[in-house]
N, C-alpha and C. Protein backbone atom coordinates (compact mmCIF):
# COMPACT_ATOMS: atom_id res chain seq x y z
N MET A 1 -51.13 30.81 83.71
CA MET A 1 -51.64 30.10 85.27
C MET A 1 -51.30 28.79 84.90
N ARG A 2 -52.07 28.02 83.70
CA ARG A 2 -51.77 26.83 84.04
C ARG A 2 -50.25 25.71 83.52
N ALA A 3 -49.86 27.05 82.46
CA ALA A 3 -48.15 26.25 82.99
C ALA A 3 -47.39 26.54 84.24
N LEU A 4 -48.09 27.64 85.26
CA LEU A 4 -47.35 27.66 86.19
C LEU A 4 -47.83 27.01 87.37
N GLU A 5 -48.98 26.38 86.66
CA GLU A 5 -49.68 25.18 87.38
C GLU A 5 -48.97 23.89 87.33
N TYR A 6 -48.60 23.07 86.30
CA TYR A 6 -48.23 22.05 86.08
C TYR A 6 -46.82 22.39 86.32
N PHE A 7 -45.94 23.45 86.28
CA PHE A 7 -44.98 23.65 87.09
C PHE A 7 -44.83 23.20 88.42
N TYR A 8 -45.04 23.85 89.33
CA TYR A 8 -45.38 24.06 90.55
C TYR A 8 -46.47 22.36 91.25
N ARG A 9 -47.07 21.57 90.20
CA ARG A 9 -47.86 20.04 90.54
C ARG A 9 -46.48 19.45 90.16
N ALA A 10 -45.19 19.90 89.38
CA ALA A 10 -43.84 18.41 89.33
C ALA A 10 -42.66 18.50 90.25
N TRP A 11 -42.85 19.67 91.33
CA TRP A 11 -41.89 19.67 91.78
C TRP A 11 -41.96 18.43 93.26
N VAL A 12 -42.96 18.38 93.68
CA VAL A 12 -42.85 16.91 94.43
C VAL A 12 -42.66 15.84 94.10
N PRO A 13 -43.40 15.44 93.18
CA PRO A 13 -43.37 13.56 92.89
C PRO A 13 -41.75 13.22 92.29
N ASP A 14 -41.98 12.14 92.51
CA ASP A 14 -40.47 11.68 92.48
C ASP A 14 -40.04 11.61 90.18
N PRO A 15 -38.90 11.41 90.11
CA PRO A 15 -39.29 12.11 88.37
C PRO A 15 -39.53 10.71 87.30
N THR A 16 -40.36 9.84 87.23
CA THR A 16 -41.46 9.11 86.96
C THR A 16 -42.57 9.70 87.43
N ARG A 17 -43.10 10.40 88.31
CA ARG A 17 -44.32 10.73 88.09
C ARG A 17 -44.02 12.63 87.94
N ARG A 18 -42.91 13.38 88.03
CA ARG A 18 -42.56 14.69 87.63
C ARG A 18 -42.63 14.60 85.71
N PHE A 19 -42.00 13.82 84.95
CA PHE A 19 -42.14 13.76 83.15
C PHE A 19 -43.19 14.34 82.23
N PRO A 20 -43.83 13.80 83.16
CA PRO A 20 -45.24 13.86 82.16
C PRO A 20 -45.69 15.35 82.53
N THR A 21 -45.95 15.78 83.76
CA THR A 21 -46.23 16.68 84.03
C THR A 21 -45.90 17.75 83.60
N LEU A 22 -44.57 17.45 83.38
CA LEU A 22 -43.47 18.74 83.18
C LEU A 22 -44.14 19.04 81.62
N PHE A 23 -44.35 18.08 81.04
CA PHE A 23 -44.44 18.02 79.61
C PHE A 23 -45.82 18.62 79.44
N GLY A 24 -47.51 18.47 80.66
CA GLY A 24 -47.77 19.43 80.08
C GLY A 24 -47.65 20.84 80.55
N ALA A 25 -47.02 21.12 80.95
CA ALA A 25 -46.53 22.71 81.10
C ALA A 25 -45.78 23.26 79.89
N LEU A 26 -45.26 22.41 79.39
CA LEU A 26 -44.88 23.08 77.79
C LEU A 26 -46.01 23.41 77.10
N ASP A 27 -46.67 22.44 77.51
CA ASP A 27 -48.16 21.62 76.95
C ASP A 27 -48.64 23.21 76.86
N ALA A 28 -49.00 23.82 77.57
CA ALA A 28 -49.77 24.82 78.36
C ALA A 28 -49.17 26.19 77.40
N ILE A 29 -48.15 26.00 77.40
CA ILE A 29 -47.24 27.46 76.38
C ILE A 29 -47.29 27.83 75.11
N TYR A 30 -47.13 26.10 75.03
CA TYR A 30 -46.91 26.06 73.39
C TYR A 30 -47.23 25.54 72.72
N GLY A 31 -47.98 24.52 73.37
CA GLY A 31 -48.93 23.63 72.36
C GLY A 31 -49.63 24.34 71.72
N ASP A 32 -50.34 23.46 70.40
CA ASP A 32 -51.02 23.19 69.91
C ASP A 32 -51.45 22.18 69.11
N ALA A 33 -52.72 21.58 69.48
CA ALA A 33 -53.37 20.47 69.09
C ALA A 33 -53.49 19.66 67.89
N GLY A 34 -53.27 20.16 66.94
CA GLY A 34 -52.79 19.79 65.64
C GLY A 34 -51.42 19.38 65.28
N LYS A 35 -50.47 20.11 66.30
CA LYS A 35 -49.02 20.07 65.60
C LYS A 35 -48.59 20.06 67.10
N ALA A 36 -48.76 19.86 67.89
CA ALA A 36 -48.16 19.79 69.91
C ALA A 36 -46.40 19.47 69.34
N THR A 37 -45.65 18.21 68.62
CA THR A 37 -44.44 17.77 68.84
C THR A 37 -43.39 19.19 67.95
N GLN A 38 -44.33 19.43 67.61
CA GLN A 38 -43.57 20.48 66.26
C GLN A 38 -43.76 21.74 66.73
N SER A 39 -44.65 22.20 67.52
CA SER A 39 -44.86 23.58 67.41
C SER A 39 -44.13 23.80 68.85
N VAL A 40 -43.51 22.96 69.89
CA VAL A 40 -43.07 22.40 70.81
C VAL A 40 -41.55 22.49 70.49
N ILE A 41 -40.77 21.96 69.66
CA ILE A 41 -39.73 22.10 68.94
C ILE A 41 -39.30 23.41 68.13
N GLU A 42 -40.19 24.13 67.21
CA GLU A 42 -40.15 25.55 67.43
C GLU A 42 -39.77 26.12 67.83
N ALA A 43 -40.74 26.50 68.86
CA ALA A 43 -40.80 27.60 69.92
C ALA A 43 -39.44 27.13 71.19
N VAL A 44 -39.77 26.26 71.79
CA VAL A 44 -37.85 25.55 72.81
C VAL A 44 -37.15 26.38 71.88
N GLY A 45 -36.55 25.58 70.94
CA GLY A 45 -34.79 25.80 70.13
C GLY A 45 -34.01 26.88 70.33
N PRO A 46 -35.17 28.06 69.57
CA PRO A 46 -34.49 29.05 70.26
C PRO A 46 -33.97 29.80 71.46
N ILE A 47 -34.67 29.47 72.56
CA ILE A 47 -34.68 29.48 73.74
C ILE A 47 -33.16 28.60 74.48
N MET A 48 -33.51 27.44 74.08
CA MET A 48 -32.27 26.93 74.22
C MET A 48 -30.97 26.24 73.92
N GLY A 49 -31.09 26.91 72.66
CA GLY A 49 -29.86 26.83 71.99
C GLY A 49 -29.48 25.74 71.36
N SER A 50 -28.04 26.51 70.87
CA SER A 50 -28.25 25.08 69.79
C SER A 50 -27.84 23.39 70.35
N ALA A 51 -27.52 23.56 71.92
CA ALA A 51 -27.45 22.44 72.85
C ALA A 51 -27.92 21.84 72.66
N TYR A 52 -29.45 22.31 72.61
CA TYR A 52 -31.06 21.24 72.41
C TYR A 52 -31.57 21.99 70.97
N ASP A 53 -30.54 20.55 70.02
CA ASP A 53 -30.96 21.22 68.76
C ASP A 53 -32.42 20.58 67.97
N TYR A 54 -32.82 20.11 67.41
CA TYR A 54 -34.63 19.54 66.07
C TYR A 54 -33.98 18.01 67.14
N ASP A 55 -32.66 18.23 66.84
CA ASP A 55 -32.75 16.06 66.96
C ASP A 55 -32.79 15.33 68.24
N ARG A 56 -32.94 16.84 69.44
CA ARG A 56 -32.58 16.75 70.99
C ARG A 56 -34.40 16.70 71.09
N LEU A 57 -34.56 17.67 70.42
CA LEU A 57 -34.88 17.77 71.17
C LEU A 57 -36.55 16.61 70.70
N LYS A 58 -36.51 15.98 69.44
CA LYS A 58 -37.42 14.97 69.27
C LYS A 58 -37.15 13.90 69.71
N LEU A 59 -36.42 13.87 70.22
CA LEU A 59 -36.33 12.80 71.07
C LEU A 59 -37.45 12.79 71.98
N LEU A 60 -36.44 13.90 72.69
CA LEU A 60 -36.75 13.84 73.94
C LEU A 60 -38.91 14.50 73.95
N LEU A 61 -39.25 14.47 72.79
CA LEU A 61 -40.78 14.68 73.05
C LEU A 61 -41.17 13.27 72.60
N GLY A 62 -40.18 12.37 71.86
CA GLY A 62 -40.72 10.56 72.04
C GLY A 62 -40.74 10.11 72.70
N LEU A 63 -39.42 10.71 74.02
CA LEU A 63 -39.95 10.18 75.00
C LEU A 63 -41.59 10.12 75.73
N ARG A 64 -41.46 11.32 75.60
CA ARG A 64 -43.25 12.58 76.09
C ARG A 64 -44.15 11.04 75.51
N ALA A 65 -44.05 10.57 74.16
CA ALA A 65 -44.74 10.11 73.45
C ALA A 65 -44.92 8.56 73.51
N SER A 66 -43.75 7.48 74.15
CA SER A 66 -43.63 6.51 74.55
C SER A 66 -44.71 6.54 76.58
N VAL A 67 -44.65 7.06 76.66
CA VAL A 67 -44.52 7.93 78.00
C VAL A 67 -45.85 8.42 78.18
N ILE A 68 -46.82 9.07 77.70
CA ILE A 68 -48.11 9.33 78.31
C ILE A 68 -49.59 8.26 76.88
N HIS A 69 -48.85 7.75 76.05
CA HIS A 69 -49.33 6.65 74.82
C HIS A 69 -49.21 5.59 75.92
N GLY A 70 -48.08 5.24 76.55
CA GLY A 70 -48.55 3.93 77.07
C GLY A 70 -47.25 3.16 76.17
N SER A 71 -46.98 3.36 75.81
CA SER A 71 -45.98 2.31 75.43
C SER A 71 -44.75 1.81 76.05
N ALA A 72 -44.44 2.79 77.35
CA ALA A 72 -43.78 2.78 78.60
C ALA A 72 -44.39 3.56 79.18
N PRO A 73 -44.12 2.61 81.16
CA PRO A 73 -44.82 2.89 82.18
C PRO A 73 -44.47 4.11 82.49
N ASN A 74 -42.77 3.73 82.35
CA ASN A 74 -42.64 5.47 82.82
C ASN A 74 -41.77 6.15 82.05
N VAL A 75 -40.79 7.06 82.11
CA VAL A 75 -39.90 6.77 81.38
C VAL A 75 -38.56 6.70 81.62
N TYR A 76 -38.27 6.10 82.21
CA TYR A 76 -36.61 5.28 82.97
C TYR A 76 -37.20 3.55 82.19
N GLU A 77 -38.33 3.21 81.28
CA GLU A 77 -38.06 2.04 80.62
C GLU A 77 -38.27 2.24 79.83
N SER A 78 -38.15 3.87 79.07
CA SER A 78 -38.90 3.72 77.54
C SER A 78 -37.61 3.14 77.21
N SER A 79 -37.41 2.82 76.10
CA SER A 79 -36.02 2.68 75.25
C SER A 79 -35.69 3.98 74.66
N ASP A 80 -36.90 4.85 74.12
CA ASP A 80 -36.21 5.96 74.03
C ASP A 80 -35.54 6.65 74.80
N TYR A 81 -35.75 6.60 76.27
CA TYR A 81 -34.88 6.74 76.70
C TYR A 81 -33.34 6.77 77.20
N HIS A 82 -32.54 5.42 76.60
CA HIS A 82 -31.97 5.07 77.26
C HIS A 82 -31.05 5.25 75.98
N LYS A 83 -31.79 5.41 74.52
CA LYS A 83 -31.06 6.47 73.64
C LYS A 83 -30.21 7.46 73.55
N TYR A 84 -31.34 8.26 74.59
CA TYR A 84 -31.24 9.61 75.30
C TYR A 84 -30.11 9.73 76.07
N TYR A 85 -29.85 8.80 77.03
CA TYR A 85 -28.92 8.96 77.68
C TYR A 85 -27.34 9.28 77.31
N GLU A 86 -27.69 7.56 76.14
CA GLU A 86 -26.06 7.51 76.20
C GLU A 86 -25.77 8.47 74.12
N ARG A 87 -26.94 8.75 73.89
CA ARG A 87 -27.01 10.27 72.56
C ARG A 87 -25.96 11.32 73.76
N TYR A 88 -27.59 11.60 74.70
CA TYR A 88 -26.74 13.23 75.03
C TYR A 88 -26.00 13.61 76.87
N GLU A 89 -25.82 12.08 77.40
CA GLU A 89 -25.53 11.55 78.76
C GLU A 89 -25.60 12.31 79.75
N GLU A 90 -26.98 12.78 79.89
CA GLU A 90 -27.77 13.48 80.47
C GLU A 90 -28.80 13.19 80.78
N ASP A 91 -29.75 13.15 81.69
CA ASP A 91 -31.36 12.61 81.94
C ASP A 91 -32.38 13.11 81.85
N ALA A 92 -33.02 12.80 80.96
CA ALA A 92 -33.77 13.40 79.76
C ALA A 92 -34.88 14.38 81.24
N THR A 93 -35.24 13.80 82.23
CA THR A 93 -36.22 14.60 83.30
C THR A 93 -35.43 15.42 83.96
N ARG A 94 -34.29 15.68 83.89
CA ARG A 94 -33.58 16.44 84.59
C ARG A 94 -33.73 17.59 83.40
N ASP A 95 -33.14 17.20 81.95
CA ASP A 95 -33.28 17.67 80.68
C ASP A 95 -34.80 18.43 80.99
N LEU A 96 -35.74 17.68 80.65
CA LEU A 96 -37.25 18.97 81.01
C LEU A 96 -37.38 19.75 81.77
N GLU A 97 -36.87 19.25 83.20
CA GLU A 97 -36.85 20.32 84.13
C GLU A 97 -36.27 21.88 83.94
N LEU A 98 -35.21 21.75 83.01
CA LEU A 98 -34.39 22.77 82.95
C LEU A 98 -35.21 23.53 81.31
N ILE A 99 -35.34 22.87 80.28
CA ILE A 99 -36.11 22.59 79.70
C ILE A 99 -37.32 24.32 79.86
N VAL A 100 -38.28 23.52 80.77
CA VAL A 100 -39.50 24.64 81.17
C VAL A 100 -38.72 25.62 81.96
N ALA A 101 -38.83 25.59 82.58
CA ALA A 101 -37.88 26.66 83.84
C ALA A 101 -37.82 27.89 82.94
N ARG A 102 -36.65 27.55 81.50
CA ARG A 102 -35.99 28.04 80.69
C ARG A 102 -37.02 29.13 80.03
N CYS A 103 -38.16 28.30 79.41
CA CYS A 103 -39.17 28.89 78.74
C CYS A 103 -39.77 29.11 79.22
N LEU A 104 -40.53 29.50 80.94
CA LEU A 104 -40.80 30.03 81.69
C LEU A 104 -40.56 30.57 81.56
N GLN A 105 -39.14 30.77 82.18
CA GLN A 105 -38.60 31.93 82.60
C GLN A 105 -38.74 33.63 81.26
N ALA A 106 -38.80 32.79 80.28
CA ALA A 106 -38.64 34.30 78.83
C ALA A 106 -40.09 34.34 78.00
N VAL A 107 -41.30 33.47 78.57
CA VAL A 107 -42.20 33.38 78.37
C VAL A 107 -43.64 34.52 78.95
N ILE A 108 -43.29 33.41 80.00
CA ILE A 108 -44.18 34.14 80.70
C ILE A 108 -43.42 35.15 81.87
N PHE A 109 -42.18 35.31 82.06
CA PHE A 109 -41.23 36.26 83.04
C PHE A 109 -40.73 37.09 81.95
N GLY A 110 -40.23 37.01 81.57
CA GLY A 110 -39.34 37.88 80.69
C GLY A 110 -38.69 38.14 81.04
N SER A 111 -38.13 39.66 80.99
CA SER A 111 -37.31 40.98 81.89
C SER A 111 -37.30 41.18 83.49
N ALA A 112 -38.22 40.66 83.81
CA ALA A 112 -38.71 40.31 85.15
C ALA A 112 -38.49 39.09 86.37
N MET A 113 -37.57 38.02 85.72
CA MET A 113 -37.37 37.27 86.35
C MET A 113 -35.68 36.99 85.37
N GLN A 114 -34.82 37.36 86.57
CA GLN A 114 -33.16 37.38 86.49
C GLN A 114 -32.15 35.77 87.14
N GLU A 115 -32.36 35.33 86.47
CA GLU A 115 -31.38 34.05 87.60
C GLU A 115 -30.14 34.30 87.72
N ARG A 116 -30.52 34.11 89.08
CA ARG A 116 -28.75 34.40 89.96
C ARG A 116 -27.85 33.31 90.57
N PRO A 117 -26.83 33.63 90.07
CA PRO A 117 -25.97 32.53 90.25
C PRO A 117 -25.96 31.32 91.85
N HIS A 118 -25.48 30.33 91.58
CA HIS A 118 -26.16 29.36 92.43
C HIS A 118 -24.97 29.39 93.11
N THR A 119 -25.11 29.37 94.33
CA THR A 119 -24.54 29.82 95.88
C THR A 119 -23.23 29.34 95.71
N HIS A 120 -23.55 27.88 95.40
CA HIS A 120 -22.28 26.87 95.95
C HIS A 120 -21.70 27.33 94.45
N ALA A 121 -22.01 28.03 93.54
CA ALA A 121 -20.83 27.19 91.97
C ALA A 121 -19.31 27.68 91.55
N VAL A 122 -18.74 28.31 92.45
CA VAL A 122 -17.21 28.54 93.02
C VAL A 122 -17.30 26.64 93.39
N LEU A 123 -17.73 26.51 94.61
CA LEU A 123 -17.92 24.75 94.64
C LEU A 123 -18.09 23.63 94.04
N ILE A 124 -19.15 24.27 93.37
CA ILE A 124 -19.34 23.01 93.08
C ILE A 124 -18.14 22.68 91.54
N LYS A 125 -18.07 24.02 90.92
CA LYS A 125 -17.52 23.65 89.83
C LYS A 125 -15.62 23.36 89.79
N HIS A 126 -15.08 23.31 91.89
CA HIS A 126 -14.20 23.04 91.98
C HIS A 126 -13.79 21.55 92.30
N HIS A 127 -15.42 21.22 92.50
CA HIS A 127 -15.21 19.85 92.47
C HIS A 127 -15.58 19.09 91.69
N THR A 128 -16.69 19.94 89.93
CA THR A 128 -16.63 18.54 88.97
C THR A 128 -15.86 19.04 87.90
N GLY A 129 -15.74 20.81 88.19
CA GLY A 129 -15.41 20.79 86.55
C GLY A 129 -16.67 21.59 86.19
N ARG A 130 -17.73 21.28 86.18
CA ARG A 130 -18.97 22.21 85.74
C ARG A 130 -19.58 23.31 86.38
N ASP A 131 -19.70 24.52 85.56
CA ASP A 131 -20.50 25.60 85.55
C ASP A 131 -21.46 25.14 86.16
N VAL A 132 -22.65 25.63 86.71
CA VAL A 132 -23.70 25.58 86.74
C VAL A 132 -24.20 27.34 86.43
C-alpha cells in the first residue's frame, strides 16, 4: 500500500519533485535498510531486462543519493544526471517512472493487470519511428 501511495503522490508534482517520491515507491517495494541500493538493483534488473543493466541502475541510484542526501538540490542539478543523459540519452525521471510502474505491475498486481497498447501507437511510430 505504501508503494502505491508514493506512486500516486508522484503523479502531480513537476519532475524535480517527482523524482525522490518515485524512489520512495521503489524503496517501499524492495527497500532493505541495510543495503537499499543493492536490493533495488537486484530486484529491478530482472523486471526491466537487459536495457537496464547493473551500471545503468547504479547510476540512477547514484542520482537518488545526490538528491536525497543533499549533493544536488534536484535531479537536474546533479552531475550524475548529465552522465546519465549522455550515456543513455533518456531523462532519468522518465526512466524512473517507467521502472516504478513496471515494478508495481509485476510485484503488486501480477497477471491481474495487463498493459494495453497506447491508443495512438501507430501514429507515434509513424512520426518518430519508435514503438510505445
